[in-house]
Amino acid sequence: AMRQMSASLLAAQYPVLTWWGLLTVLTRAAATVTMVVIF
C-alpha cells in the first residue's frame, strides 16, 4: 500500500518537477543570449 501511494505521489510530482526543470533551462538560455546580445 505504501509503494502504491508513493507511486501515485511520484506520478503527480514528476510533471511538476519537469516544468520547473524546464524553467531553469529556459531562463539560463535567456540569460546566455542576453549576455551575448549585450556585448
All heavy atoms as atom14 arrays in JSON, in Angstrom:
{
  "sequence": "AMRQMSASLLAAQYPVLTWWGLLTVLTRAAATVTMVVIF",
  "atom14_mask": [
    [1, 1, 1, 1, 1, 0, 0, 0, 0, 0, 0, 0, 0, 0],
    [1, 1, 1, 1, 1, 1, 1, 1, 0, 0, 0, 0, 0, 0],
    [1, 1, 1, 1, 1, 1, 1, 1, 1, 1, 1, 0, 0, 0],
    [1, 1, 1, 1, 1, 1, 1, 1, 1, 0, 0, 0, 0, 0],
    [1, 1, 1, 1, 1, 1, 1, 1, 0, 0, 0, 0, 0, 0],
    [1, 1, 1, 1, 1, 1, 0, 0, 0, 0, 0, 0, 0, 0],
    [1, 1, 1, 1, 1, 0, 0, 0, 0, 0, 0, 0, 0, 0],
    [1, 1, 1, 1, 1, 1, 0, 0, 0, 0, 0, 0, 0, 0],
    [1, 1, 1, 1, 1, 1, 1, 1, 0, 0, 0, 0, 0, 0],
    [1, 1, 1, 1, 1, 1, 1, 1, 0, 0, 0, 0, 0, 0],
    [1, 1, 1, 1, 1, 0, 0, 0, 0, 0, 0, 0, 0, 0],
    [1, 1, 1, 1, 1, 0, 0, 0, 0, 0, 0, 0, 0, 0],
    [1, 1, 1, 1, 1, 1, 1, 1, 1, 0, 0, 0, 0, 0],
    [1, 1, 1, 1, 1, 1, 1, 1, 1, 1, 1, 1, 0, 0],
    [1, 1, 1, 1, 1, 1, 1, 0, 0, 0, 0, 0, 0, 0],
    [1, 1, 1, 1, 1, 1, 1, 0, 0, 0, 0, 0, 0, 0],
    [1, 1, 1, 1, 1, 1, 1, 1, 0, 0, 0, 0, 0, 0],
    [1, 1, 1, 1, 1, 1, 1, 0, 0, 0, 0, 0, 0, 0],
    [1, 1, 1, 1, 1, 1, 1, 1, 1, 1, 1, 1, 1, 1],
    [1, 1, 1, 1, 1, 1, 1, 1, 1, 1, 1, 1, 1, 1],
    [1, 1, 1, 1, 0, 0, 0, 0, 0, 0, 0, 0, 0, 0],
    [1, 1, 1, 1, 1, 1, 1, 1, 0, 0, 0, 0, 0, 0],
    [1, 1, 1, 1, 1, 1, 1, 1, 0, 0, 0, 0, 0, 0],
    [1, 1, 1, 1, 1, 1, 1, 0, 0, 0, 0, 0, 0, 0],
    [1, 1, 1, 1, 1, 1, 1, 0, 0, 0, 0, 0, 0, 0],
    [1, 1, 1, 1, 1, 1, 1, 1, 0, 0, 0, 0, 0, 0],
    [1, 1, 1, 1, 1, 1, 1, 0, 0, 0, 0, 0, 0, 0],
    [1, 1, 1, 1, 1, 1, 1, 1, 1, 1, 1, 0, 0, 0],
    [1, 1, 1, 1, 1, 0, 0, 0, 0, 0, 0, 0, 0, 0],
    [1, 1, 1, 1, 1, 0, 0, 0, 0, 0, 0, 0, 0, 0],
    [1, 1, 1, 1, 1, 0, 0, 0, 0, 0, 0, 0, 0, 0],
    [1, 1, 1, 1, 1, 1, 1, 0, 0, 0, 0, 0, 0, 0],
    [1, 1, 1, 1, 1, 1, 1, 0, 0, 0, 0, 0, 0, 0],
    [1, 1, 1, 1, 1, 1, 1, 0, 0, 0, 0, 0, 0, 0],
    [1, 1, 1, 1, 1, 1, 1, 1, 0, 0, 0, 0, 0, 0],
    [1, 1, 1, 1, 1, 1, 1, 0, 0, 0, 0, 0, 0, 0],
    [1, 1, 1, 1, 1, 1, 1, 0, 0, 0, 0, 0, 0, 0],
    [1, 1, 1, 1, 1, 1, 1, 1, 0, 0, 0, 0, 0, 0],
    [1, 1, 1, 1, 1, 1, 1, 1, 1, 1, 1, 0, 0, 0]
  ],
  "atom14_positions": [
    [[0.84, -1.2, 0.0], [0.0, 0.0, 0.0], [0.87, 1.25, 0.0], [0.57, 2.23, -0.69], [-0.92, -0.01, 1.22], [0.0, 0.0, 0.0], [0.0, 0.0, 0.0], [0.0, 0.0, 0.0], [0.0, 0.0, 0.0], [0.0, 0.0, 0.0], [0.0, 0.0, 0.0], [0.0, 0.0, 0.0], [0.0, 0.0, 0.0], [0.0, 0.0, 0.0]],
    [[1.97, 1.21, 0.76], [2.88, 2.35, 0.8], [3.51, 2.6, -0.57], [3.64, 3.74, -1.03], [3.96, 2.11, 1.86], [5.0, 3.21, 1.97], [4.28, 4.78, 2.5], [3.8, 4.35, 4.17], [0.0, 0.0, 0.0], [0.0, 0.0, 0.0], [0.0, 0.0, 0.0], [0.0, 0.0, 0.0], [0.0, 0.0, 0.0], [0.0, 0.0, 0.0]],
    [[3.91, 1.51, -1.23], [4.51, 1.66, -2.57], [3.51, 2.23, -3.55], [3.86, 3.05, -4.41], [5.04, 0.3, -3.05], [6.37, -0.1, -2.4], [6.98, -1.3, -3.08], [6.25, -2.52, -2.77], [6.54, -3.33, -1.76], [7.55, -3.05, -0.95], [5.84, -4.43, -1.54], [0.0, 0.0, 0.0], [0.0, 0.0, 0.0], [0.0, 0.0, 0.0]],
    [[2.25, 1.78, -3.46], [1.23, 2.3, -4.36], [0.98, 3.79, -4.13], [0.85, 4.57, -5.08], [-0.07, 1.51, -4.17], [0.01, 0.08, -4.68], [-1.24, -0.72, -4.36], [-2.11, -0.29, -3.61], [-1.34, -1.92, -4.93], [0.0, 0.0, 0.0], [0.0, 0.0, 0.0], [0.0, 0.0, 0.0], [0.0, 0.0, 0.0], [0.0, 0.0, 0.0]],
    [[0.94, 4.19, -2.85], [0.73, 5.61, -2.54], [1.94, 6.44, -2.97], [1.78, 7.56, -3.47], [0.47, 5.78, -1.05], [-0.81, 5.12, -0.56], [-1.12, 5.34, 1.2], [-1.73, 7.02, 1.2], [0.0, 0.0, 0.0], [0.0, 0.0, 0.0], [0.0, 0.0, 0.0], [0.0, 0.0, 0.0], [0.0, 0.0, 0.0], [0.0, 0.0, 0.0]],
    [[3.14, 5.88, -2.81], [4.35, 6.58, -3.26], [4.35, 6.73, -4.77], [4.75, 7.77, -5.3], [5.6, 5.82, -2.81], [5.67, 5.74, -1.4], [0.0, 0.0, 0.0], [0.0, 0.0, 0.0], [0.0, 0.0, 0.0], [0.0, 0.0, 0.0], [0.0, 0.0, 0.0], [0.0, 0.0, 0.0], [0.0, 0.0, 0.0], [0.0, 0.0, 0.0]],
    [[3.88, 5.69, -5.47], [3.82, 5.75, -6.93], [2.83, 6.83, -7.38], [3.09, 7.57, -8.34], [3.41, 4.39, -7.49], [0.0, 0.0, 0.0], [0.0, 0.0, 0.0], [0.0, 0.0, 0.0], [0.0, 0.0, 0.0], [0.0, 0.0, 0.0], [0.0, 0.0, 0.0], [0.0, 0.0, 0.0], [0.0, 0.0, 0.0], [0.0, 0.0, 0.0]],
    [[1.7, 6.92, -6.68], [0.72, 7.97, -7.01], [1.3, 9.35, -6.77], [1.07, 10.29, -7.55], [-0.55, 7.78, -6.18], [-1.17, 6.54, -6.46], [0.0, 0.0, 0.0], [0.0, 0.0, 0.0], [0.0, 0.0, 0.0], [0.0, 0.0, 0.0], [0.0, 0.0, 0.0], [0.0, 0.0, 0.0], [0.0, 0.0, 0.0], [0.0, 0.0, 0.0]],
    [[2.05, 9.49, -5.68], [2.69, 10.77, -5.37], [3.69, 11.14, -6.46], [3.71, 12.29, -6.94], [3.38, 10.69, -4.01], [4.23, 11.9, -3.6], [3.39, 13.17, -3.58], [4.88, 11.66, -2.25], [0.0, 0.0, 0.0], [0.0, 0.0, 0.0], [0.0, 0.0, 0.0], [0.0, 0.0, 0.0], [0.0, 0.0, 0.0], [0.0, 0.0, 0.0]],
    [[4.52, 10.18, -6.85], [5.52, 10.46, -7.88], [4.86, 10.77, -9.23], [5.34, 11.62, -9.98], [6.47, 9.28, -8.03], [7.44, 9.05, -6.87], [8.24, 7.77, -7.09], [8.38, 10.24, -6.72], [0.0, 0.0, 0.0], [0.0, 0.0, 0.0], [0.0, 0.0, 0.0], [0.0, 0.0, 0.0], [0.0, 0.0, 0.0], [0.0, 0.0, 0.0]],
    [[3.76, 10.06, -9.53], [3.06, 10.31, -10.79], [2.54, 11.75, -10.86], [2.51, 12.36, -11.94], [1.9, 9.33, -10.94], [0.0, 0.0, 0.0], [0.0, 0.0, 0.0], [0.0, 0.0, 0.0], [0.0, 0.0, 0.0], [0.0, 0.0, 0.0], [0.0, 0.0, 0.0], [0.0, 0.0, 0.0], [0.0, 0.0, 0.0], [0.0, 0.0, 0.0]],
    [[2.12, 12.27, -9.71], [1.67, 13.67, -9.66], [2.85, 14.63, -9.63], [2.77, 15.75, -10.14], [0.78, 13.89, -8.44], [0.0, 0.0, 0.0], [0.0, 0.0, 0.0], [0.0, 0.0, 0.0], [0.0, 0.0, 0.0], [0.0, 0.0, 0.0], [0.0, 0.0, 0.0], [0.0, 0.0, 0.0], [0.0, 0.0, 0.0], [0.0, 0.0, 0.0]],
    [[3.96, 14.18, -9.04], [5.1, 15.08, -8.83], [5.99, 15.22, -10.05], [6.55, 16.31, -10.29], [5.92, 14.56, -7.65], [6.74, 15.61, -6.94], [7.21, 15.13, -5.58], [7.57, 13.96, -5.41], [7.22, 16.02, -4.61], [0.0, 0.0, 0.0], [0.0, 0.0, 0.0], [0.0, 0.0, 0.0], [0.0, 0.0, 0.0], [0.0, 0.0, 0.0]],
    [[6.14, 14.16, -10.83], [7.06, 14.2, -11.97], [6.73, 15.31, -12.97], [7.64, 16.04, -13.41], [7.09, 12.84, -12.67], [7.99, 11.83, -11.99], [7.85, 10.47, -12.25], [8.98, 12.22, -11.09], [8.66, 9.53, -11.63], [9.79, 11.29, -10.47], [9.63, 9.95, -10.74], [10.44, 9.02, -10.13], [0.0, 0.0, 0.0], [0.0, 0.0, 0.0]],
    [[5.46, 15.46, -13.4], [5.17, 16.55, -14.35], [5.51, 17.93, -13.78], [6.0, 18.81, -14.49], [3.66, 16.42, -14.6], [3.34, 14.99, -14.27], [4.26, 14.65, -13.14], [0.0, 0.0, 0.0], [0.0, 0.0, 0.0], [0.0, 0.0, 0.0], [0.0, 0.0, 0.0], [0.0, 0.0, 0.0], [0.0, 0.0, 0.0], [0.0, 0.0, 0.0]],
    [[5.25, 18.11, -12.47], [5.58, 19.39, -11.83], [7.08, 19.62, -11.85], [7.56, 20.71, -12.2], [5.05, 19.41, -10.37], [5.51, 20.67, -9.65], [3.53, 19.31, -10.35], [0.0, 0.0, 0.0], [0.0, 0.0, 0.0], [0.0, 0.0, 0.0], [0.0, 0.0, 0.0], [0.0, 0.0, 0.0], [0.0, 0.0, 0.0], [0.0, 0.0, 0.0]],
    [[7.84, 18.59, -11.5], [9.3, 18.71, -11.49], [9.84, 18.98, -12.89], [10.81, 19.72, -13.07], [9.93, 17.44, -10.92], [9.61, 17.14, -9.44], [10.2, 15.79, -9.04], [10.13, 18.24, -8.55], [0.0, 0.0, 0.0], [0.0, 0.0, 0.0], [0.0, 0.0, 0.0], [0.0, 0.0, 0.0], [0.0, 0.0, 0.0], [0.0, 0.0, 0.0]],
    [[9.21, 18.36, -13.9], [9.65, 18.55, -15.29], [9.5, 20.01, -15.7], [10.39, 20.61, -16.31], [8.84, 17.65, -16.23], [9.07, 16.28, -15.87], [9.26, 17.87, -17.68], [0.0, 0.0, 0.0], [0.0, 0.0, 0.0], [0.0, 0.0, 0.0], [0.0, 0.0, 0.0], [0.0, 0.0, 0.0], [0.0, 0.0, 0.0], [0.0, 0.0, 0.0]],
    [[8.35, 20.6, -15.37], [8.13, 22.0, -15.73], [9.11, 22.93, -15.03], [9.63, 23.87, -15.62], [6.69, 22.41, -15.4], [5.71, 22.05, -16.49], [4.81, 21.05, -16.49], [5.59, 22.71, -17.75], [4.1, 21.02, -17.68], [4.57, 22.03, -18.47], [6.23, 23.79, -18.36], [4.17, 22.42, -19.75], [5.84, 24.17, -19.64], [4.83, 23.49, -20.32]],
    [[9.37, 22.68, -13.74], [10.32, 23.53, -13.03], [11.75, 23.33, -13.53], [12.56, 24.25, -13.53], [10.24, 23.29, -11.52], [8.97, 23.85, -10.94], [7.88, 23.17, -10.5], [8.65, 25.24, -10.78], [6.9, 24.03, -10.07], [7.35, 25.31, -10.23], [9.33, 26.43, -11.03], [6.73, 26.52, -9.92], [8.72, 27.64, -10.73], [7.42, 27.67, -10.19]],
    [[12.06, 22.1, -13.95], [13.36, 21.87, -14.57], [13.47, 22.6, -15.9], [14.52, 23.19, -16.22], [0.0, 0.0, 0.0], [0.0, 0.0, 0.0], [0.0, 0.0, 0.0], [0.0, 0.0, 0.0], [0.0, 0.0, 0.0], [0.0, 0.0, 0.0], [0.0, 0.0, 0.0], [0.0, 0.0, 0.0], [0.0, 0.0, 0.0], [0.0, 0.0, 0.0]],
    [[12.36, 22.6, -16.66], [12.34, 23.32, -17.93], [12.5, 24.82, -17.71], [13.15, 25.51, -18.51], [11.02, 23.03, -18.66], [10.85, 23.66, -20.05], [11.92, 23.15, -20.99], [9.45, 23.36, -20.6], [0.0, 0.0, 0.0], [0.0, 0.0, 0.0], [0.0, 0.0, 0.0], [0.0, 0.0, 0.0], [0.0, 0.0, 0.0], [0.0, 0.0, 0.0]],
    [[11.92, 25.33, -16.62], [12.07, 26.75, -16.29], [13.55, 27.11, -16.13], [14.02, 28.14, -16.64], [11.32, 27.06, -15.0], [11.54, 28.45, -14.4], [10.99, 29.53, -15.32], [10.9, 28.56, -13.01], [0.0, 0.0, 0.0], [0.0, 0.0, 0.0], [0.0, 0.0, 0.0], [0.0, 0.0, 0.0], [0.0, 0.0, 0.0], [0.0, 0.0, 0.0]],
    [[14.3, 26.26, -15.45], [15.73, 26.51, -15.25], [16.47, 26.57, -16.58], [17.31, 27.46, -16.82], [16.35, 25.41, -14.36], [15.66, 25.39, -13.1], [17.83, 25.66, -14.12], [0.0, 0.0, 0.0], [0.0, 0.0, 0.0], [0.0, 0.0, 0.0], [0.0, 0.0, 0.0], [0.0, 0.0, 0.0], [0.0, 0.0, 0.0], [0.0, 0.0, 0.0]],
    [[16.15, 25.64, -17.46], [16.81, 25.6, -18.77], [16.49, 26.85, -19.58], [17.39, 27.49, -20.17], [16.39, 24.33, -19.55], [16.94, 24.37, -20.98], [16.87, 23.08, -18.83], [0.0, 0.0, 0.0], [0.0, 0.0, 0.0], [0.0, 0.0, 0.0], [0.0, 0.0, 0.0], [0.0, 0.0, 0.0], [0.0, 0.0, 0.0], [0.0, 0.0, 0.0]],
    [[15.2, 27.22, -19.62], [14.79, 28.36, -20.44], [15.37, 29.68, -19.91], [15.82, 30.53, -20.69], [13.26, 28.44, -20.48], [12.54, 27.29, -21.22], [11.03, 27.44, -21.08], [12.95, 27.28, -22.69], [0.0, 0.0, 0.0], [0.0, 0.0, 0.0], [0.0, 0.0, 0.0], [0.0, 0.0, 0.0], [0.0, 0.0, 0.0], [0.0, 0.0, 0.0]],
    [[15.35, 29.84, -18.58], [15.88, 31.09, -18.03], [17.4, 31.17, -18.22], [17.93, 32.25, -18.49], [15.54, 31.22, -16.54], [15.96, 30.03, -15.84], [14.04, 31.41, -16.35], [0.0, 0.0, 0.0], [0.0, 0.0, 0.0], [0.0, 0.0, 0.0], [0.0, 0.0, 0.0], [0.0, 0.0, 0.0], [0.0, 0.0, 0.0], [0.0, 0.0, 0.0]],
    [[18.07, 30.04, -18.1], [19.51, 30.05, -18.32], [19.84, 30.38, -19.78], [20.78, 31.12, -20.07], [20.09, 28.68, -17.93], [21.6, 28.58, -18.04], [22.31, 29.67, -17.29], [21.89, 29.72, -15.88], [22.15, 30.72, -15.09], [22.8, 31.79, -15.55], [21.75, 30.7, -13.83], [0.0, 0.0, 0.0], [0.0, 0.0, 0.0], [0.0, 0.0, 0.0]],
    [[19.03, 29.83, -20.68], [19.24, 30.13, -22.11], [18.99, 31.61, -22.39], [19.76, 32.26, -23.12], [18.3, 29.27, -22.96], [0.0, 0.0, 0.0], [0.0, 0.0, 0.0], [0.0, 0.0, 0.0], [0.0, 0.0, 0.0], [0.0, 0.0, 0.0], [0.0, 0.0, 0.0], [0.0, 0.0, 0.0], [0.0, 0.0, 0.0], [0.0, 0.0, 0.0]],
    [[17.93, 32.15, -21.77], [17.63, 33.57, -21.97], [18.75, 34.44, -21.43], [19.13, 35.45, -22.04], [16.31, 33.91, -21.28], [0.0, 0.0, 0.0], [0.0, 0.0, 0.0], [0.0, 0.0, 0.0], [0.0, 0.0, 0.0], [0.0, 0.0, 0.0], [0.0, 0.0, 0.0], [0.0, 0.0, 0.0], [0.0, 0.0, 0.0], [0.0, 0.0, 0.0]],
    [[19.33, 34.05, -20.28], [20.42, 34.82, -19.7], [21.66, 34.79, -20.59], [22.32, 35.82, -20.8], [20.75, 34.26, -18.31], [0.0, 0.0, 0.0], [0.0, 0.0, 0.0], [0.0, 0.0, 0.0], [0.0, 0.0, 0.0], [0.0, 0.0, 0.0], [0.0, 0.0, 0.0], [0.0, 0.0, 0.0], [0.0, 0.0, 0.0], [0.0, 0.0, 0.0]],
    [[21.96, 33.62, -21.14], [23.14, 33.49, -22.0], [22.98, 34.34, -23.27], [23.9, 35.07, -23.69], [23.36, 32.02, -22.38], [23.55, 31.26, -21.18], [24.59, 31.86, -23.28], [0.0, 0.0, 0.0], [0.0, 0.0, 0.0], [0.0, 0.0, 0.0], [0.0, 0.0, 0.0], [0.0, 0.0, 0.0], [0.0, 0.0, 0.0], [0.0, 0.0, 0.0]],
    [[21.8, 34.25, -23.9], [21.53, 35.02, -25.12], [21.62, 36.52, -24.82], [22.18, 37.3, -25.61], [20.15, 34.65, -25.7], [19.77, 35.6, -26.83], [20.16, 33.21, -26.2], [0.0, 0.0, 0.0], [0.0, 0.0, 0.0], [0.0, 0.0, 0.0], [0.0, 0.0, 0.0], [0.0, 0.0, 0.0], [0.0, 0.0, 0.0], [0.0, 0.0, 0.0]],
    [[21.05, 36.9, -23.67], [21.09, 38.33, -23.29], [22.52, 38.82, -23.14], [22.86, 39.93, -23.59], [20.3, 38.54, -21.98], [18.95, 38.13, -22.18], [20.34, 40.02, -21.57], [0.0, 0.0, 0.0], [0.0, 0.0, 0.0], [0.0, 0.0, 0.0], [0.0, 0.0, 0.0], [0.0, 0.0, 0.0], [0.0, 0.0, 0.0], [0.0, 0.0, 0.0]],
    [[23.35, 38.05, -22.51], [24.74, 38.45, -22.31], [25.45, 38.62, -23.66], [26.2, 39.59, -23.86], [25.46, 37.39, -21.46], [26.84, 37.83, -20.98], [26.77, 39.18, -19.78], [26.22, 38.3, -18.32], [0.0, 0.0, 0.0], [0.0, 0.0, 0.0], [0.0, 0.0, 0.0], [0.0, 0.0, 0.0], [0.0, 0.0, 0.0], [0.0, 0.0, 0.0]],
    [[25.19, 37.68, -24.57], [25.79, 37.78, -25.9], [25.31, 39.04, -26.62], [26.1, 39.79, -27.23], [25.46, 36.52, -26.73], [25.91, 36.7, -28.19], [26.14, 35.29, -26.12], [0.0, 0.0, 0.0], [0.0, 0.0, 0.0], [0.0, 0.0, 0.0], [0.0, 0.0, 0.0], [0.0, 0.0, 0.0], [0.0, 0.0, 0.0], [0.0, 0.0, 0.0]],
    [[24.0, 39.29, -26.53], [23.43, 40.46, -27.2], [23.98, 41.75, -26.59], [24.27, 42.72, -27.32], [21.89, 40.43, -27.11], [21.3, 41.73, -27.64], [21.33, 39.25, -27.88], [0.0, 0.0, 0.0], [0.0, 0.0, 0.0], [0.0, 0.0, 0.0], [0.0, 0.0, 0.0], [0.0, 0.0, 0.0], [0.0, 0.0, 0.0], [0.0, 0.0, 0.0]],
    [[24.15, 41.79, -25.27], [24.7, 42.97, -24.6], [26.07, 43.32, -25.18], [26.35, 44.48, -25.56], [24.81, 42.73, -23.07], [23.44, 42.81, -22.41], [25.78, 43.71, -22.42], [22.9, 44.2, -22.24], [0.0, 0.0, 0.0], [0.0, 0.0, 0.0], [0.0, 0.0, 0.0], [0.0, 0.0, 0.0], [0.0, 0.0, 0.0], [0.0, 0.0, 0.0]],
    [[26.96, 42.35, -25.28], [28.31, 42.64, -25.76], [28.34, 42.89, -27.27], [29.14, 43.7, -27.77], [29.27, 41.51, -25.38], [29.71, 41.59, -23.94], [29.12, 40.8, -22.97], [30.69, 42.49, -23.56], [29.51, 40.89, -21.64], [31.09, 42.58, -22.23], [30.5, 41.79, -21.27], [0.0, 0.0, 0.0], [0.0, 0.0, 0.0], [0.0, 0.0, 0.0]]
  ]
}
